[in-house]
Protein backbone atom coordinates (compact mmCIF):
# COMPACT_ATOMS: atom_id res chain seq x y z
CA UNK A 1 100.45 99.80 110.21
CA UNK A 2 100.62 97.42 107.27
CA UNK A 3 102.20 94.03 107.04
CA UNK A 4 105.43 93.23 105.20
CA UNK A 5 103.23 91.78 102.48
CA UNK A 6 101.41 95.13 102.16
CA UNK A 7 104.74 96.94 101.80
CA UNK A 8 105.92 94.43 99.22
CA UNK A 9 102.74 94.82 97.18
CA UNK A 10 103.03 98.60 97.32
CA UNK A 11 106.67 98.50 96.24
CA UNK A 12 105.76 96.30 93.28
CA UNK A 13 103.28 99.02 92.31
CA UNK A 14 106.00 101.67 92.58
CA UNK A 15 108.41 99.45 90.62
CA UNK A 16 105.81 98.88 87.92
CA UNK A 17 105.90 102.61 87.18
CA UNK A 18 109.19 101.96 85.38
CA UNK A 19 111.68 103.42 87.83
CA UNK A 20 115.19 103.07 86.50
CA UNK A 21 117.23 104.76 89.26
CA UNK A 22 118.65 107.20 86.70
CA UNK A 23 116.98 110.51 87.42
CA UNK A 24 113.77 109.07 88.85
CA UNK A 25 112.64 110.79 92.01
CA UNK A 26 110.01 109.38 94.35
CA UNK A 27 108.11 111.13 97.13
CA UNK A 28 107.03 109.05 100.11
CA UNK A 29 104.24 110.81 102.03
CA UNK A 30 103.75 109.90 105.71
CA UNK A 31 107.11 108.18 105.76
CA UNK A 32 107.22 107.55 109.50
CA UNK A 33 110.71 106.43 110.45
CA UNK A 34 111.51 105.53 106.86
CA UNK A 35 111.06 101.76 106.44
CA UNK A 36 109.42 102.04 103.02
CA UNK A 37 111.87 104.73 101.95
CA UNK A 38 114.80 102.48 102.83
CA UNK A 39 113.31 99.79 100.59
CA UNK A 40 112.48 102.17 97.71
CA UNK A 41 115.87 103.86 97.61
CA UNK A 42 117.22 100.87 95.71
CA UNK A 43 114.93 101.50 92.73
CA UNK A 44 115.07 105.29 92.40
CA UNK A 45 117.74 107.94 92.13
CA UNK A 46 116.26 109.92 95.03
CA UNK A 47 113.54 109.18 97.57
CA UNK A 48 112.20 112.05 99.63
CA UNK A 49 110.58 111.03 102.90
CA UNK A 50 107.92 113.55 103.89
CA UNK A 51 106.83 113.31 107.51
CA UNK A 52 104.76 115.70 109.63
CA UNK A 53 105.78 114.25 113.00
CA UNK A 54 109.03 115.88 114.16
CA UNK A 55 110.17 112.87 116.21
CA UNK A 56 109.59 110.41 113.37
CA UNK A 57 111.35 112.71 110.89
CA UNK A 58 114.37 113.01 113.20
CA UNK A 59 114.54 109.24 113.69
CA UNK A 60 114.27 108.63 109.93
CA UNK A 61 117.15 111.03 109.33
CA UNK A 62 119.27 109.22 111.92
CA UNK A 63 118.49 105.82 110.39
CA UNK A 64 119.23 107.01 106.84
CA UNK A 65 122.64 108.25 108.03
CA UNK A 66 123.34 105.09 110.01
CA UNK A 67 122.48 102.93 106.99
CA UNK A 68 124.40 105.19 104.56
CA UNK A 69 121.31 105.77 102.42
CA UNK A 70 122.77 108.59 100.35
CA UNK A 71 119.78 108.88 98.02
CA UNK A 72 117.14 109.03 100.79
CA UNK A 73 116.38 112.34 102.48
CA UNK A 74 113.80 113.31 105.04
CA UNK A 75 111.85 116.55 105.09
CA UNK A 76 109.29 117.73 107.59
CA UNK A 77 106.06 119.32 106.43
CA UNK A 78 102.36 119.07 105.70
CA UNK A 79 101.32 115.71 104.33
CA UNK A 80 98.34 117.08 102.42
CA UNK A 81 100.45 119.63 100.53
CA UNK A 82 103.13 117.04 99.60
CA UNK A 83 106.58 118.50 98.81
CA UNK A 84 106.56 120.90 95.86
CA UNK A 85 110.25 121.88 96.23
CA UNK A 86 111.58 118.75 94.48
CA UNK A 87 108.67 117.99 92.15
CA UNK A 88 107.88 116.66 89.64
CA UNK A 89 108.14 113.07 90.85
CA UNK A 90 108.12 109.88 88.81
CA UNK A 91 106.03 108.28 91.58
CA UNK A 92 104.35 109.35 94.80
CA UNK A 93 103.90 106.69 97.46
CA UNK A 94 101.45 107.35 100.30
CA UNK A 95 102.61 105.25 103.23
CA UNK A 96 99.39 105.21 105.18
CA UNK A 97 95.63 105.22 104.97
CA UNK A 98 93.77 108.27 103.72
CA UNK A 99 90.16 108.86 102.74
CA UNK A 100 91.03 110.77 99.56
CA UNK A 101 94.17 111.96 97.84
CA UNK A 102 94.40 115.78 97.97
CA UNK A 103 94.33 117.25 94.46
CA UNK A 104 97.60 119.15 95.04
CA UNK A 105 99.47 115.85 95.15
CA UNK A 106 98.54 114.90 91.57
CA UNK A 107 100.05 118.17 90.31
CA UNK A 108 103.44 117.06 91.63
CA UNK A 109 103.69 113.99 89.38
CA UNK A 110 105.78 114.22 86.23
CA UNK A 111 103.75 114.65 83.02
CA UNK A 112 102.04 111.44 82.02
CA UNK A 113 102.57 109.76 85.39
CA UNK A 114 99.15 110.42 86.94
């Protein structure tokens, strides 16, 4: 679990990718209950929260509804495979610590975004 400062620094990195909210989709891998997604939804047209834990995914969905986050959706699936169904993404945010980024994830970035 990171600090609020860590989240802020990461969001500045996402923002520096030039998101304009008009057609820019972001994938958040390991979204947990959606804290980072809730913050990112203000700078992208769509943020997809990918979570492998069923309970966390359900809670994120409830919170997104409760907060009326219409451009944030949660999907449940494998974190290492990312979420091909909505790719390509303008940015992919990994909300956790990993030893290495699986190669499949890079293939889901829009051309020139890697």
